[in-house]
Amino acid sequence: MRTFRDRVRHALLFEAVALAIFIPGSAAVFDQPVQHMGVIGIASATVATVWNFLFNAGFDRAMLRLRGSVHKTMAIRVAHTFLFEAGLVAMLIPMIAWYLGIGLWAALLMDIAIVIFYLVYGFLFNIAYDRMFPVVATAAYGTGGV
């Protein structure tokens, strides 16, 4: 299992790289001011960072309990990505609608486009991260490390 420090590094790197792509890209795609999309991006990143940490820790614990390993097959990686994004969508749609002064339906459509970006980005980022920072086998998986 990944250590606490590794999970923090993962979450912060994930969001920093995503924001560098998301803010200017979404401003252009949605024809919104960069400042508005910056607020949406930073608020979303804050929610996503906390969710990322909690979801990944829970997902790994569930895998360890159910499978005896945290090794992710391609099918598990796809399920992991979709489950993470579904939880995030439910949290972000009301915020986007309120901040941009748009309806829930418009916020949902916007969020679907954002989710598509993050699905592809998250999938590729996590593969790259796992290759750059492989999990080190330890005798006691349940300790969580520091």
N, C-alpha and C. Protein backbone atom coordinates (compact mmCIF):
# COMPACT_ATOMS: atom_id res chain seq x y z
N MET A 1 0.85 -1.18 0.00
CA MET A 1 0.00 0.00 0.00
C MET A 1 0.89 1.24 0.00
N ARG A 2 0.35 2.32 -0.50
CA ARG A 2 1.09 3.58 -0.53
C ARG A 2 1.10 4.23 0.85
N THR A 3 2.17 4.96 1.12
CA THR A 3 2.29 5.64 2.40
C THR A 3 1.45 6.91 2.39
N PHE A 4 1.29 7.49 3.56
CA PHE A 4 0.57 8.76 3.69
C PHE A 4 1.26 9.83 2.84
N ARG A 5 2.58 9.94 2.97
CA ARG A 5 3.32 10.95 2.19
C ARG A 5 3.17 10.75 0.70
N ASP A 6 3.21 9.50 0.27
CA ASP A 6 3.05 9.21 -1.15
C ASP A 6 1.66 9.61 -1.63
N ARG A 7 0.65 9.36 -0.82
CA ARG A 7 -0.71 9.75 -1.21
C ARG A 7 -0.85 11.27 -1.30
N VAL A 8 -0.20 11.98 -0.40
CA VAL A 8 -0.23 13.45 -0.45
C VAL A 8 0.47 13.93 -1.72
N ARG A 9 1.65 13.38 -2.01
CA ARG A 9 2.38 13.74 -3.23
C ARG A 9 1.52 13.46 -4.46
N HIS A 10 0.91 12.30 -4.51
CA HIS A 10 0.06 11.92 -5.65
C HIS A 10 -1.06 12.93 -5.85
N ALA A 11 -1.77 13.24 -4.77
CA ALA A 11 -2.93 14.13 -4.88
C ALA A 11 -2.50 15.53 -5.31
N LEU A 12 -1.43 16.06 -4.73
CA LEU A 12 -0.97 17.41 -5.08
C LEU A 12 -0.44 17.49 -6.51
N LEU A 13 0.34 16.51 -6.92
CA LEU A 13 0.83 16.50 -8.31
C LEU A 13 -0.32 16.37 -9.30
N PHE A 14 -1.26 15.49 -8.99
CA PHE A 14 -2.40 15.29 -9.87
C PHE A 14 -3.12 16.61 -10.11
N GLU A 15 -3.43 17.31 -9.04
CA GLU A 15 -4.21 18.55 -9.17
C GLU A 15 -3.40 19.69 -9.77
N ALA A 16 -2.12 19.81 -9.45
CA ALA A 16 -1.30 20.89 -10.00
C ALA A 16 -1.17 20.78 -11.52
N VAL A 17 -0.89 19.59 -12.00
CA VAL A 17 -0.76 19.39 -13.44
C VAL A 17 -2.12 19.58 -14.12
N ALA A 18 -3.17 19.06 -13.50
CA ALA A 18 -4.51 19.20 -14.08
C ALA A 18 -4.91 20.67 -14.20
N LEU A 19 -4.66 21.47 -13.17
CA LEU A 19 -5.03 22.90 -13.21
C LEU A 19 -4.27 23.65 -14.28
N ALA A 20 -3.02 23.31 -14.47
CA ALA A 20 -2.22 23.97 -15.50
C ALA A 20 -2.80 23.73 -16.89
N ILE A 21 -3.47 22.62 -17.08
CA ILE A 21 -4.11 22.30 -18.35
C ILE A 21 -5.55 22.82 -18.36
N PHE A 22 -6.28 22.58 -17.25
CA PHE A 22 -7.71 22.85 -17.19
C PHE A 22 -8.08 24.33 -17.31
N ILE A 23 -7.43 25.19 -16.54
CA ILE A 23 -7.88 26.59 -16.47
C ILE A 23 -7.87 27.27 -17.84
N PRO A 24 -6.75 27.29 -18.55
CA PRO A 24 -6.80 27.96 -19.86
C PRO A 24 -7.64 27.18 -20.88
N GLY A 25 -7.58 25.87 -20.81
CA GLY A 25 -8.34 25.06 -21.76
C GLY A 25 -9.84 25.21 -21.61
N SER A 26 -10.33 25.20 -20.38
CA SER A 26 -11.78 25.31 -20.15
C SER A 26 -12.27 26.72 -20.45
N ALA A 27 -11.45 27.72 -20.18
CA ALA A 27 -11.86 29.10 -20.51
C ALA A 27 -12.10 29.22 -22.01
N ALA A 28 -11.23 28.61 -22.79
CA ALA A 28 -11.39 28.66 -24.25
C ALA A 28 -12.57 27.82 -24.73
N VAL A 29 -12.69 26.62 -24.21
CA VAL A 29 -13.75 25.70 -24.65
C VAL A 29 -15.14 26.21 -24.26
N PHE A 30 -15.30 26.74 -23.05
CA PHE A 30 -16.60 27.16 -22.55
C PHE A 30 -16.87 28.64 -22.74
N ASP A 31 -15.93 29.34 -23.36
CA ASP A 31 -16.06 30.78 -23.61
C ASP A 31 -16.39 31.52 -22.32
N GLN A 32 -15.64 31.23 -21.30
CA GLN A 32 -15.79 31.86 -19.98
C GLN A 32 -14.50 32.62 -19.67
N PRO A 33 -14.57 33.64 -18.83
CA PRO A 33 -13.35 34.31 -18.43
C PRO A 33 -12.40 33.35 -17.70
N VAL A 34 -11.11 33.53 -17.93
CA VAL A 34 -10.11 32.69 -17.28
C VAL A 34 -10.28 32.76 -15.76
N GLN A 35 -10.63 33.94 -15.24
CA GLN A 35 -10.79 34.09 -13.79
C GLN A 35 -11.92 33.20 -13.26
N HIS A 36 -13.04 33.14 -13.98
CA HIS A 36 -14.15 32.29 -13.55
C HIS A 36 -13.75 30.82 -13.58
N MET A 37 -13.09 30.43 -14.64
CA MET A 37 -12.69 29.03 -14.73
C MET A 37 -11.56 28.73 -13.75
N GLY A 38 -10.79 29.75 -13.40
CA GLY A 38 -9.78 29.56 -12.36
C GLY A 38 -10.42 29.28 -11.02
N VAL A 39 -11.48 30.03 -10.68
CA VAL A 39 -12.21 29.79 -9.43
C VAL A 39 -12.83 28.39 -9.46
N ILE A 40 -13.48 28.06 -10.57
CA ILE A 40 -14.07 26.72 -10.70
C ILE A 40 -12.98 25.67 -10.58
N GLY A 41 -11.89 25.89 -11.27
CA GLY A 41 -10.79 24.92 -11.25
C GLY A 41 -10.20 24.73 -9.87
N ILE A 42 -9.92 25.84 -9.17
CA ILE A 42 -9.30 25.74 -7.84
C ILE A 42 -10.27 25.15 -6.82
N ALA A 43 -11.54 25.59 -6.85
CA ALA A 43 -12.52 25.02 -5.93
C ALA A 43 -12.71 23.53 -6.21
N SER A 44 -12.81 23.19 -7.48
CA SER A 44 -12.97 21.79 -7.86
C SER A 44 -11.75 20.98 -7.45
N ALA A 45 -10.57 21.56 -7.64
CA ALA A 45 -9.33 20.85 -7.28
C ALA A 45 -9.27 20.60 -5.78
N THR A 46 -9.74 21.57 -5.00
CA THR A 46 -9.73 21.39 -3.55
C THR A 46 -10.65 20.25 -3.15
N VAL A 47 -11.86 20.24 -3.69
CA VAL A 47 -12.79 19.14 -3.41
C VAL A 47 -12.20 17.83 -3.92
N ALA A 48 -11.67 17.86 -5.13
CA ALA A 48 -11.12 16.65 -5.75
C ALA A 48 -9.91 16.12 -4.99
N THR A 49 -9.08 17.01 -4.45
CA THR A 49 -7.90 16.57 -3.72
C THR A 49 -8.29 15.78 -2.47
N VAL A 50 -9.25 16.32 -1.73
CA VAL A 50 -9.72 15.62 -0.54
C VAL A 50 -10.38 14.30 -0.94
N TRP A 51 -11.24 14.35 -1.96
CA TRP A 51 -11.92 13.15 -2.44
C TRP A 51 -10.90 12.13 -2.95
N ASN A 52 -9.88 12.58 -3.68
CA ASN A 52 -8.85 11.71 -4.22
C ASN A 52 -8.18 10.93 -3.09
N PHE A 53 -7.77 11.64 -2.06
CA PHE A 53 -7.10 11.01 -0.93
C PHE A 53 -8.00 9.97 -0.27
N LEU A 54 -9.21 10.37 0.06
CA LEU A 54 -10.14 9.47 0.76
C LEU A 54 -10.55 8.28 -0.11
N PHE A 55 -10.88 8.56 -1.37
CA PHE A 55 -11.34 7.51 -2.27
C PHE A 55 -10.23 6.48 -2.52
N ASN A 56 -9.02 6.96 -2.82
CA ASN A 56 -7.93 6.03 -3.12
C ASN A 56 -7.54 5.19 -1.92
N ALA A 57 -7.52 5.79 -0.74
CA ALA A 57 -7.21 5.02 0.46
C ALA A 57 -8.28 3.94 0.69
N GLY A 58 -9.55 4.33 0.54
CA GLY A 58 -10.64 3.36 0.71
C GLY A 58 -10.64 2.29 -0.36
N PHE A 59 -10.36 2.69 -1.59
CA PHE A 59 -10.33 1.73 -2.70
C PHE A 59 -9.23 0.69 -2.47
N ASP A 60 -8.04 1.15 -2.08
CA ASP A 60 -6.95 0.21 -1.83
C ASP A 60 -7.26 -0.72 -0.66
N ARG A 61 -7.86 -0.18 0.38
CA ARG A 61 -8.23 -1.04 1.52
C ARG A 61 -9.26 -2.09 1.09
N ALA A 62 -10.22 -1.67 0.27
CA ALA A 62 -11.23 -2.62 -0.22
C ALA A 62 -10.57 -3.69 -1.10
N MET A 63 -9.64 -3.27 -1.97
CA MET A 63 -8.95 -4.25 -2.82
C MET A 63 -8.15 -5.24 -1.98
N LEU A 64 -7.47 -4.71 -0.97
CA LEU A 64 -6.67 -5.59 -0.11
C LEU A 64 -7.56 -6.59 0.61
N ARG A 65 -8.70 -6.13 1.09
CA ARG A 65 -9.64 -7.00 1.80
C ARG A 65 -10.27 -8.02 0.84
N LEU A 66 -10.69 -7.57 -0.34
CA LEU A 66 -11.42 -8.44 -1.26
C LEU A 66 -10.52 -9.33 -2.12
N ARG A 67 -9.35 -8.80 -2.48
CA ARG A 67 -8.47 -9.52 -3.41
C ARG A 67 -7.15 -9.96 -2.78
N GLY A 68 -6.83 -9.40 -1.61
CA GLY A 68 -5.56 -9.73 -0.98
C GLY A 68 -4.37 -9.01 -1.59
N SER A 69 -4.64 -8.04 -2.47
CA SER A 69 -3.58 -7.31 -3.16
C SER A 69 -4.11 -5.95 -3.62
N VAL A 70 -3.20 -4.99 -3.75
CA VAL A 70 -3.60 -3.69 -4.30
C VAL A 70 -3.24 -3.57 -5.77
N HIS A 71 -2.78 -4.68 -6.37
CA HIS A 71 -2.45 -4.68 -7.80
C HIS A 71 -3.72 -4.41 -8.62
N LYS A 72 -3.62 -3.46 -9.55
CA LYS A 72 -4.78 -3.07 -10.36
C LYS A 72 -4.63 -3.58 -11.79
N THR A 73 -5.58 -4.41 -12.19
CA THR A 73 -5.65 -4.83 -13.59
C THR A 73 -6.19 -3.66 -14.40
N MET A 74 -6.18 -3.79 -15.70
CA MET A 74 -6.73 -2.73 -16.55
C MET A 74 -8.22 -2.53 -16.25
N ALA A 75 -8.96 -3.59 -16.07
CA ALA A 75 -10.39 -3.47 -15.77
C ALA A 75 -10.61 -2.76 -14.43
N ILE A 76 -9.79 -3.08 -13.44
CA ILE A 76 -9.91 -2.42 -12.13
C ILE A 76 -9.56 -0.95 -12.25
N ARG A 77 -8.55 -0.61 -13.06
CA ARG A 77 -8.18 0.80 -13.26
C ARG A 77 -9.34 1.58 -13.90
N VAL A 78 -10.00 0.97 -14.86
CA VAL A 78 -11.14 1.63 -15.51
C VAL A 78 -12.27 1.83 -14.50
N ALA A 79 -12.60 0.80 -13.73
CA ALA A 79 -13.65 0.91 -12.71
C ALA A 79 -13.27 1.96 -11.66
N HIS A 80 -12.03 1.95 -11.23
CA HIS A 80 -11.53 2.92 -10.25
C HIS A 80 -11.74 4.33 -10.76
N THR A 81 -11.38 4.60 -12.00
CA THR A 81 -11.50 5.93 -12.58
C THR A 81 -12.95 6.37 -12.67
N PHE A 82 -13.83 5.49 -13.15
CA PHE A 82 -15.24 5.85 -13.27
C PHE A 82 -15.91 6.06 -11.92
N LEU A 83 -15.61 5.24 -10.94
CA LEU A 83 -16.20 5.41 -9.61
C LEU A 83 -15.73 6.71 -8.96
N PHE A 84 -14.46 7.02 -9.11
CA PHE A 84 -13.95 8.28 -8.57
C PHE A 84 -14.68 9.46 -9.19
N GLU A 85 -14.78 9.48 -10.51
CA GLU A 85 -15.40 10.61 -11.21
C GLU A 85 -16.90 10.72 -10.90
N ALA A 86 -17.59 9.62 -10.74
CA ALA A 86 -19.02 9.67 -10.41
C ALA A 86 -19.24 10.36 -9.07
N GLY A 87 -18.44 10.04 -8.09
CA GLY A 87 -18.55 10.71 -6.79
C GLY A 87 -18.23 12.19 -6.89
N LEU A 88 -17.24 12.53 -7.68
CA LEU A 88 -16.85 13.92 -7.83
C LEU A 88 -17.93 14.73 -8.55
N VAL A 89 -18.54 14.17 -9.58
CA VAL A 89 -19.61 14.86 -10.31
C VAL A 89 -20.75 15.23 -9.37
N ALA A 90 -21.14 14.30 -8.52
CA ALA A 90 -22.24 14.55 -7.59
C ALA A 90 -21.92 15.70 -6.64
N MET A 91 -20.67 15.88 -6.32
CA MET A 91 -20.28 16.97 -5.41
C MET A 91 -20.14 18.31 -6.14
N LEU A 92 -19.73 18.30 -7.41
CA LEU A 92 -19.36 19.54 -8.08
C LEU A 92 -20.48 20.24 -8.86
N ILE A 93 -21.47 19.51 -9.35
CA ILE A 93 -22.51 20.13 -10.19
C ILE A 93 -23.21 21.29 -9.48
N PRO A 94 -23.65 21.14 -8.25
CA PRO A 94 -24.31 22.28 -7.59
C PRO A 94 -23.39 23.50 -7.45
N MET A 95 -22.12 23.27 -7.17
CA MET A 95 -21.17 24.37 -7.03
C MET A 95 -20.98 25.13 -8.35
N ILE A 96 -20.82 24.39 -9.43
CA ILE A 96 -20.62 25.01 -10.74
C ILE A 96 -21.86 25.83 -11.13
N ALA A 97 -23.02 25.25 -10.94
CA ALA A 97 -24.27 25.95 -11.29
C ALA A 97 -24.40 27.25 -10.50
N TRP A 98 -24.16 27.19 -9.21
CA TRP A 98 -24.27 28.38 -8.37
C TRP A 98 -23.26 29.45 -8.78
N TYR A 99 -22.00 29.08 -8.91
CA TYR A 99 -20.96 30.08 -9.17
C TYR A 99 -21.12 30.75 -10.54
N LEU A 100 -21.44 29.97 -11.55
CA LEU A 100 -21.56 30.54 -12.89
C LEU A 100 -22.97 31.08 -13.17
N GLY A 101 -23.90 30.89 -12.23
CA GLY A 101 -25.26 31.37 -12.42
C GLY A 101 -25.97 30.66 -13.57
N ILE A 102 -25.74 29.37 -13.66
CA ILE A 102 -26.37 28.57 -14.72
C ILE A 102 -27.23 27.50 -14.07
N GLY A 103 -28.09 26.90 -14.85
CA GLY A 103 -28.95 25.85 -14.33
C GLY A 103 -28.19 24.55 -14.09
N LEU A 104 -28.82 23.65 -13.36
CA LEU A 104 -28.19 22.37 -13.08
C LEU A 104 -27.93 21.57 -14.34
N TRP A 105 -28.85 21.67 -15.29
CA TRP A 105 -28.67 20.95 -16.56
C TRP A 105 -27.43 21.46 -17.30
N ALA A 106 -27.28 22.78 -17.40
CA ALA A 106 -26.10 23.37 -18.07
C ALA A 106 -24.83 23.00 -17.30
N ALA A 107 -24.91 23.01 -15.97
CA ALA A 107 -23.76 22.62 -15.15
C ALA A 107 -23.42 21.15 -15.37
N LEU A 108 -24.44 20.32 -15.50
CA LEU A 108 -24.21 18.90 -15.76
C LEU A 108 -23.51 18.71 -17.10
N LEU A 109 -24.00 19.41 -18.14
CA LEU A 109 -23.36 19.28 -19.45
C LEU A 109 -21.91 19.76 -19.42
N MET A 110 -21.68 20.87 -18.73
CA MET A 110 -20.31 21.37 -18.58
C MET A 110 -19.46 20.36 -17.83
N ASP A 111 -20.03 19.81 -16.76
CA ASP A 111 -19.28 18.87 -15.96
C ASP A 111 -19.00 17.58 -16.72
N ILE A 112 -19.90 17.17 -17.60
CA ILE A 112 -19.64 15.98 -18.42
C ILE A 112 -18.41 16.20 -19.28
N ALA A 113 -18.30 17.38 -19.87
CA ALA A 113 -17.11 17.70 -20.68
C ALA A 113 -15.85 17.68 -19.80
N ILE A 114 -15.97 18.25 -18.61
CA ILE A 114 -14.84 18.27 -17.68
C ILE A 114 -14.48 16.85 -17.26
N VAL A 115 -15.49 16.03 -17.00
CA VAL A 115 -15.25 14.65 -16.60
C VAL A 115 -14.52 13.89 -17.70
N ILE A 116 -14.90 14.10 -18.94
CA ILE A 116 -14.22 13.42 -20.05
C ILE A 116 -12.73 13.77 -20.04
N PHE A 117 -12.43 15.06 -19.84
CA PHE A 117 -11.03 15.47 -19.74
C PHE A 117 -10.36 14.74 -18.58
N TYR A 118 -10.98 14.77 -17.40
CA TYR A 118 -10.37 14.17 -16.22
C TYR A 118 -10.30 12.65 -16.28
N LEU A 119 -11.24 12.01 -16.97
CA LEU A 119 -11.17 10.55 -17.12
C LEU A 119 -9.90 10.17 -17.87
N VAL A 120 -9.69 10.83 -19.00
CA VAL A 120 -8.50 10.53 -19.80
C VAL A 120 -7.25 10.94 -19.04
N TYR A 121 -7.26 12.16 -18.51
CA TYR A 121 -6.11 12.66 -17.76
C TYR A 121 -5.80 11.77 -16.55
N GLY A 122 -6.83 11.45 -15.76
CA GLY A 122 -6.62 10.62 -14.56
C GLY A 122 -6.07 9.25 -14.88
N PHE A 123 -6.61 8.64 -15.92
CA PHE A 123 -6.15 7.32 -16.34
C PHE A 123 -4.67 7.36 -16.70
N LEU A 124 -4.29 8.33 -17.54
CA LEU A 124 -2.89 8.45 -17.98
C LEU A 124 -1.97 8.89 -16.84
N PHE A 125 -2.44 9.83 -16.02
CA PHE A 125 -1.62 10.30 -14.90
C PHE A 125 -1.31 9.16 -13.94
N ASN A 126 -2.32 8.36 -13.59
CA ASN A 126 -2.11 7.29 -12.62
C ASN A 126 -1.19 6.20 -13.14
N ILE A 127 -1.26 5.89 -14.40
CA ILE A 127 -0.31 4.93 -14.98
C ILE A 127 1.10 5.50 -14.91
N ALA A 128 1.26 6.77 -15.31
CA ALA A 128 2.58 7.41 -15.25
C ALA A 128 3.09 7.48 -13.81
N TYR A 129 2.22 7.84 -12.88
CA TYR A 129 2.61 7.95 -11.47
C TYR A 129 3.07 6.59 -10.93
N ASP A 130 2.31 5.54 -11.23
CA ASP A 130 2.68 4.21 -10.75
C ASP A 130 4.03 3.77 -11.31
N ARG A 131 4.35 4.19 -12.52
CA ARG A 131 5.65 3.84 -13.11
C ARG A 131 6.78 4.69 -12.51
N MET A 132 6.48 5.96 -12.23
CA MET A 132 7.50 6.85 -11.66
C MET A 132 7.73 6.57 -10.18
N PHE A 133 6.67 6.20 -9.47
CA PHE A 133 6.74 5.96 -8.03
C PHE A 133 6.09 4.62 -7.70
N PRO A 134 6.78 3.50 -8.01
CA PRO A 134 6.17 2.19 -7.76
C PRO A 134 5.95 1.93 -6.28
N VAL A 135 4.95 1.11 -5.98
CA VAL A 135 4.66 0.72 -4.60
C VAL A 135 5.77 -0.20 -4.13
N VAL A 136 6.33 0.12 -2.97
CA VAL A 136 7.37 -0.71 -2.38
C VAL A 136 6.69 -1.73 -1.48
N ALA A 137 6.98 -2.99 -1.70
CA ALA A 137 6.38 -4.05 -0.89
C ALA A 137 6.89 -3.94 0.54
N THR A 138 5.95 -4.06 1.49
CA THR A 138 6.31 -4.05 2.91
C THR A 138 5.70 -5.27 3.57
N ALA A 139 6.23 -5.60 4.74
CA ALA A 139 5.74 -6.77 5.47
C ALA A 139 4.37 -6.52 6.06
N ALA A 140 4.07 -5.26 6.41
CA ALA A 140 2.80 -4.95 7.08
C ALA A 140 2.04 -3.93 6.26
N TYR A 141 1.19 -4.39 5.33
CA TYR A 141 0.40 -3.50 4.50
C TYR A 141 -0.52 -2.62 5.31
N GLY A 142 -1.05 -3.14 6.40
CA GLY A 142 -2.06 -2.43 7.16
C GLY A 142 -1.56 -1.24 7.97
N THR A 143 -0.25 -1.02 8.02
CA THR A 143 0.26 0.05 8.87
C THR A 143 0.04 1.43 8.27
N GLY A 144 -0.07 1.53 6.96
CA GLY A 144 -0.31 2.82 6.32
C GLY A 144 0.96 3.63 6.14
N GLY A 145 2.02 3.30 6.85
CA GLY A 145 3.31 3.97 6.69
C GLY A 145 3.26 5.46 6.95
N VAL A 146 4.43 6.06 6.95
CA VAL A 146 4.51 7.53 7.10
C VAL A 146 5.52 8.06 6.13
